[in-house]
Amino acid sequence: MSAESKSKGVLILVSVSLGNPGDITQRAKELFKDCNVLIGEESRTTSTLLKSLSVSKEFFLCNEHSKPEDIRELGEKVLANDLSVLISDAGTPGIEDPGKELVQEVLKRGGVVKSAPGPIAFGAALSISGFQISPFTFCGFLSRESSDRKRELTQYLKSGNTFVFYETPYRYKAVLHDLDFIFKKTKEERQIFFCLDLTLETEFQFRGKIGELIRIVDTLPKGNPVITVSQRKNSSFSKTVKKSFLKKK
């Protein structure tokens, strides 16, 4: 039995790199070799990762095409084995991917879920944004329809908090245009931190006003984006914290 598992039905969510292969941890490599069941997101990406680590192992898939019965079968496999590992294509599994459904299934069956933490895209983006990030809102992916996205963005702006969200390589330009529309409509003046392909040599970063980004957005390549919107300068939270600090002084 692996040192990571003291009983059957242990599922470990293992973070992989966001893109730079040097970011994968030694613990992750050992778990890939030691696990009884390995579950990936996409076949090609998982195969490429295992090959790069010289790991030869059968794996199962958990992705957007997985049906409820597929999730149940995976849950059964996890409960029947000592140690199972779940990975996504990049970063931390279980966040904005179908892995969260498997986590729920394993917990429902009385299994144990643990983490082998590592890279996570929204945390990386927040940490290098230069913005005030407490409190912040993680929004995941916005809706596919422009009208729905605009409603969502309006609600997130109302809170006054910093917020961060993901988007697909094929849709991020349309989303940025929606954000520009909402900024103009609400007369919000906030800073944007926009990045493509975090940790890769092709990483692109932009900090500034949305209007400046819109002027160059059509020249940008496809990539995996993370979009961060700064806190409103005069938000009620900022005022409360400032008053509290002054009282203590």
Protein backbone atom coordinates (compact mmCIF):
# COMPACT_ATOMS: atom_id res chain seq x y z
CA MET A 1 0.00 0.00 0.00
CA SER A 2 1.32 3.47 -0.89
CA ALA A 3 2.51 5.77 1.88
CA GLU A 4 -0.05 8.28 0.59
CA SER A 5 -2.94 5.90 1.28
CA LYS A 6 -3.75 4.22 4.58
CA SER A 7 -7.12 2.88 3.51
CA LYS A 8 -9.07 2.18 0.36
CA GLY A 9 -10.93 4.89 -1.47
CA VAL A 10 -8.38 7.71 -1.38
CA LEU A 11 -8.52 10.18 -4.27
CA ILE A 12 -5.71 12.73 -4.52
CA LEU A 13 -6.19 15.79 -6.68
CA VAL A 14 -2.75 16.45 -8.16
CA SER A 15 -1.87 19.84 -9.61
CA VAL A 16 0.18 19.87 -12.79
CA SER A 17 1.91 22.81 -14.46
CA LEU A 18 0.00 25.63 -16.12
CA GLY A 19 2.25 25.19 -19.12
CA ASN A 20 5.87 25.26 -18.00
CA PRO A 21 6.85 21.62 -17.37
CA GLY A 22 9.41 22.69 -14.77
CA ASP A 23 6.61 23.58 -12.34
CA ILE A 24 5.44 20.03 -11.70
CA THR A 25 6.36 18.79 -8.23
CA GLN A 26 8.36 15.74 -7.20
CA ARG A 27 5.38 14.55 -5.18
CA ALA A 28 3.21 14.67 -8.29
CA LYS A 29 5.70 12.53 -10.21
CA GLU A 30 5.77 9.96 -7.40
CA LEU A 31 1.99 9.84 -7.19
CA PHE A 32 1.70 9.14 -10.91
CA LYS A 33 3.99 6.14 -10.48
CA ASP A 34 2.45 4.85 -7.24
CA CYS A 35 -1.27 5.25 -7.87
CA ASN A 36 -3.56 2.32 -8.64
CA VAL A 37 -5.96 4.43 -10.69
CA LEU A 38 -5.03 7.48 -12.76
CA ILE A 39 -7.73 9.77 -14.12
CA GLY A 40 -6.97 12.51 -16.64
CA GLU A 41 -8.99 15.10 -18.53
CA GLU A 42 -7.97 14.67 -22.17
CA SER A 43 -6.26 11.63 -23.67
CA ARG A 44 -3.56 13.38 -25.70
CA THR A 45 -2.57 15.82 -22.95
CA THR A 46 -2.45 13.09 -20.30
CA SER A 47 -0.43 10.76 -22.54
CA THR A 48 2.06 13.52 -23.35
CA LEU A 49 2.52 14.34 -19.67
CA LEU A 50 3.07 10.72 -18.63
CA LYS A 51 5.51 10.14 -21.48
CA SER A 52 7.52 13.22 -20.49
CA LEU A 53 7.85 11.74 -16.98
CA SER A 54 8.67 8.24 -18.25
CA VAL A 55 5.51 6.86 -16.65
CA SER A 56 3.75 4.04 -18.48
CA LYS A 57 0.28 3.55 -17.06
CA GLU A 58 -3.28 3.02 -18.19
CA PHE A 59 -5.57 5.93 -17.36
CA PHE A 60 -9.24 6.81 -17.44
CA LEU A 61 -10.86 10.07 -18.52
CA CYS A 62 -13.10 12.53 -16.71
CA ASN A 63 -14.10 15.46 -18.90
CA GLU A 64 -17.04 17.41 -20.31
CA HIS A 65 -18.11 14.34 -22.28
CA SER A 66 -18.37 12.15 -19.17
CA LYS A 67 -21.94 11.09 -18.44
CA PRO A 68 -23.35 10.65 -14.92
CA GLU A 69 -22.92 6.88 -15.25
CA ASP A 70 -19.26 7.43 -16.21
CA ILE A 71 -18.73 9.47 -13.06
CA ARG A 72 -20.39 6.75 -10.98
CA GLU A 73 -18.12 4.09 -12.51
CA LEU A 74 -15.05 6.18 -11.76
CA GLY A 75 -16.28 6.63 -8.21
CA GLU A 76 -16.57 2.87 -7.87
CA LYS A 77 -13.01 2.42 -9.15
CA VAL A 78 -11.71 4.93 -6.62
CA LEU A 79 -13.50 3.21 -3.73
CA ALA A 80 -12.26 -0.22 -4.83
CA ASN A 81 -8.58 0.81 -4.86
CA ASP A 82 -6.07 2.12 -2.35
CA LEU A 83 -4.84 5.19 -4.19
CA SER A 84 -6.34 7.09 -7.12
CA VAL A 85 -5.05 10.29 -8.73
CA LEU A 86 -7.02 12.92 -10.62
CA ILE A 87 -5.36 15.48 -12.87
CA SER A 88 -6.66 18.10 -15.28
CA ASP A 89 -4.97 19.34 -18.43
CA ALA A 90 -3.37 22.23 -16.56
CA GLY A 91 -3.22 23.56 -13.03
CA THR A 92 -5.41 22.27 -10.21
CA PRO A 93 -8.19 19.75 -10.94
CA GLY A 94 -11.66 20.13 -9.46
CA ILE A 95 -11.87 23.86 -10.19
CA GLU A 96 -13.95 24.76 -13.23
CA ASP A 97 -13.59 21.29 -14.69
CA PRO A 98 -15.60 18.03 -14.48
CA GLY A 99 -13.29 16.73 -11.78
CA LYS A 100 -15.48 18.46 -9.21
CA GLU A 101 -18.27 16.01 -10.04
CA LEU A 102 -15.97 13.08 -9.34
CA VAL A 103 -14.94 14.66 -6.03
CA GLN A 104 -18.60 14.88 -5.03
CA GLU A 105 -19.18 11.26 -6.09
CA VAL A 106 -16.24 9.95 -4.07
CA LEU A 107 -17.24 11.91 -0.97
CA LYS A 108 -20.84 10.72 -1.31
CA ARG A 109 -19.59 7.14 -1.33
CA GLY A 110 -17.57 7.68 1.84
CA GLY A 111 -14.18 8.00 0.17
CA VAL A 112 -11.37 10.37 1.15
CA VAL A 113 -10.29 13.30 -1.03
CA LYS A 114 -6.87 14.89 -0.59
CA SER A 115 -4.78 17.46 -2.40
CA ALA A 116 -1.26 17.51 -3.79
CA PRO A 117 -1.33 21.26 -4.37
CA GLY A 118 0.57 23.24 -6.93
CA PRO A 119 -0.08 25.72 -9.74
CA ILE A 120 -3.50 27.31 -10.09
CA ALA A 121 -4.16 29.91 -12.79
CA PHE A 122 -6.33 32.41 -10.92
CA GLY A 123 -3.99 32.40 -7.91
CA ALA A 124 -0.99 33.01 -10.13
CA ALA A 125 -2.74 35.87 -11.91
CA LEU A 126 -3.91 37.52 -8.69
CA SER A 127 -0.47 37.28 -7.12
CA ILE A 128 1.26 39.11 -9.96
CA SER A 129 -1.54 41.54 -10.81
CA GLY A 130 -0.36 44.24 -8.43
CA PHE A 131 -3.97 44.81 -7.36
CA GLN A 132 -5.52 44.84 -3.90
CA ILE A 133 -6.89 41.30 -3.79
CA SER A 134 -8.61 40.98 -0.44
CA PRO A 135 -11.47 40.35 -0.81
CA PHE A 136 -11.66 38.93 -4.28
CA THR A 137 -14.25 36.97 -6.24
CA PHE A 138 -13.38 34.02 -8.44
CA CYS A 139 -15.98 33.82 -11.21
CA GLY A 140 -14.86 30.74 -13.11
CA PHE A 141 -16.09 30.90 -16.72
CA LEU A 142 -18.76 33.40 -17.73
CA SER A 143 -21.80 32.46 -19.81
CA ARG A 144 -21.49 31.80 -23.52
CA GLU A 145 -24.13 34.31 -24.57
CA SER A 146 -23.10 37.97 -24.67
CA SER A 147 -26.31 39.23 -23.03
CA ASP A 148 -25.86 36.81 -20.11
CA ARG A 149 -22.19 37.74 -19.73
CA LYS A 150 -23.04 41.42 -19.56
CA ARG A 151 -25.51 40.78 -16.75
CA GLU A 152 -22.91 38.73 -14.86
CA LEU A 153 -20.17 41.33 -15.32
CA THR A 154 -22.52 44.06 -14.10
CA GLN A 155 -23.21 42.09 -10.91
CA TYR A 156 -19.52 41.41 -10.25
CA LEU A 157 -18.70 45.10 -10.70
CA LYS A 158 -21.42 46.10 -8.22
CA SER A 159 -19.61 44.36 -5.35
CA GLY A 160 -16.62 46.64 -5.70
CA ASN A 161 -14.25 43.70 -5.12
CA THR A 162 -11.39 42.56 -7.27
CA PHE A 163 -12.62 39.69 -9.42
CA VAL A 164 -10.89 37.18 -11.65
CA PHE A 165 -12.23 34.81 -14.26
CA TYR A 166 -11.27 32.36 -16.99
CA GLU A 167 -12.22 32.30 -20.62
CA THR A 168 -11.60 30.11 -23.64
CA PRO A 169 -8.98 30.94 -26.30
CA TYR A 170 -11.82 31.24 -28.83
CA ARG A 171 -14.08 33.56 -26.85
CA TYR A 172 -11.90 35.87 -24.80
CA LYS A 173 -11.87 38.71 -27.36
CA ALA A 174 -15.68 38.86 -27.40
CA VAL A 175 -15.70 38.83 -23.59
CA LEU A 176 -13.26 41.73 -23.42
CA HIS A 177 -15.51 43.71 -25.77
CA ASP A 178 -18.44 42.94 -23.45
CA LEU A 179 -16.38 44.14 -20.47
CA ASP A 180 -15.55 47.36 -22.32
CA PHE A 181 -19.26 47.87 -23.04
CA ILE A 182 -20.17 47.43 -19.36
CA PHE A 183 -17.39 49.74 -18.19
CA LYS A 184 -18.69 52.48 -20.48
CA LYS A 185 -22.30 51.86 -19.45
CA THR A 186 -21.55 51.91 -15.71
CA LYS A 187 -18.80 54.56 -16.00
CA GLU A 188 -16.49 52.29 -14.04
CA GLU A 189 -12.80 53.14 -14.09
CA ARG A 190 -10.86 50.10 -13.04
CA GLN A 191 -7.57 48.56 -14.00
CA ILE A 192 -7.37 45.31 -15.96
CA PHE A 193 -4.69 42.67 -15.66
CA PHE A 194 -4.95 40.38 -18.65
CA CYS A 195 -2.61 37.49 -19.31
CA LEU A 196 -2.30 34.78 -21.91
CA ASP A 197 -0.42 31.49 -21.49
CA LEU A 198 0.84 31.99 -17.94
CA THR A 199 4.32 30.50 -17.28
CA LEU A 200 5.06 29.77 -20.94
CA GLU A 201 7.71 31.54 -23.01
CA THR A 202 4.85 33.02 -25.02
CA GLU A 203 3.26 34.57 -21.90
CA PHE A 204 1.61 37.92 -22.60
CA GLN A 205 0.69 40.44 -19.90
CA PHE A 206 -1.30 43.65 -20.02
CA ARG A 207 -2.00 46.06 -17.16
CA GLY A 208 -4.05 49.14 -17.79
CA LYS A 209 -7.45 50.42 -18.85
CA ILE A 210 -9.82 48.24 -20.81
CA GLY A 211 -9.95 50.77 -23.67
CA GLU A 212 -6.20 50.42 -24.19
CA LEU A 213 -6.51 46.64 -24.30
CA ILE A 214 -9.40 46.76 -26.75
CA ARG A 215 -7.23 48.73 -29.19
CA ILE A 216 -4.78 45.83 -29.46
CA VAL A 217 -6.98 42.82 -28.70
CA ASP A 218 -7.48 41.83 -32.34
CA THR A 219 -3.71 41.51 -32.77
CA LEU A 220 -3.39 39.00 -29.95
CA PRO A 221 -3.05 35.25 -30.61
CA LYS A 222 -5.17 32.43 -29.31
CA GLY A 223 -4.11 31.39 -25.85
CA ASN A 224 -5.39 30.47 -22.42
CA PRO A 225 -6.44 33.72 -20.74
CA VAL A 226 -6.98 34.83 -17.16
CA ILE A 227 -8.69 38.20 -16.69
CA THR A 228 -8.46 40.19 -13.45
CA VAL A 229 -10.40 43.38 -12.72
CA SER A 230 -9.12 45.61 -9.93
CA GLN A 231 -11.07 46.62 -6.84
CA ARG A 232 -13.07 49.82 -7.03
CA LYS A 233 -10.95 52.54 -5.43
CA ASN A 234 -13.81 53.97 -3.37
CA SER A 235 -15.42 50.64 -2.51
CA SER A 236 -17.15 50.40 0.86
CA PHE A 237 -14.73 47.63 1.85
CA SER A 238 -11.70 49.85 1.23
CA LYS A 239 -13.26 52.67 3.27
CA THR A 240 -14.09 50.32 6.14
CA VAL A 241 -10.58 48.89 6.27
CA LYS A 242 -9.04 52.37 6.15
CA LYS A 243 -11.24 53.64 9.01
CA SER A 244 -10.45 50.55 11.09
CA PHE A 245 -6.72 51.04 10.52
CA LEU A 246 -6.88 54.72 11.49
CA LYS A 247 -8.74 53.88 14.73
CA LYS A 248 -6.04 51.41 15.71
CA LYS A 249 -3.37 54.04 15.06
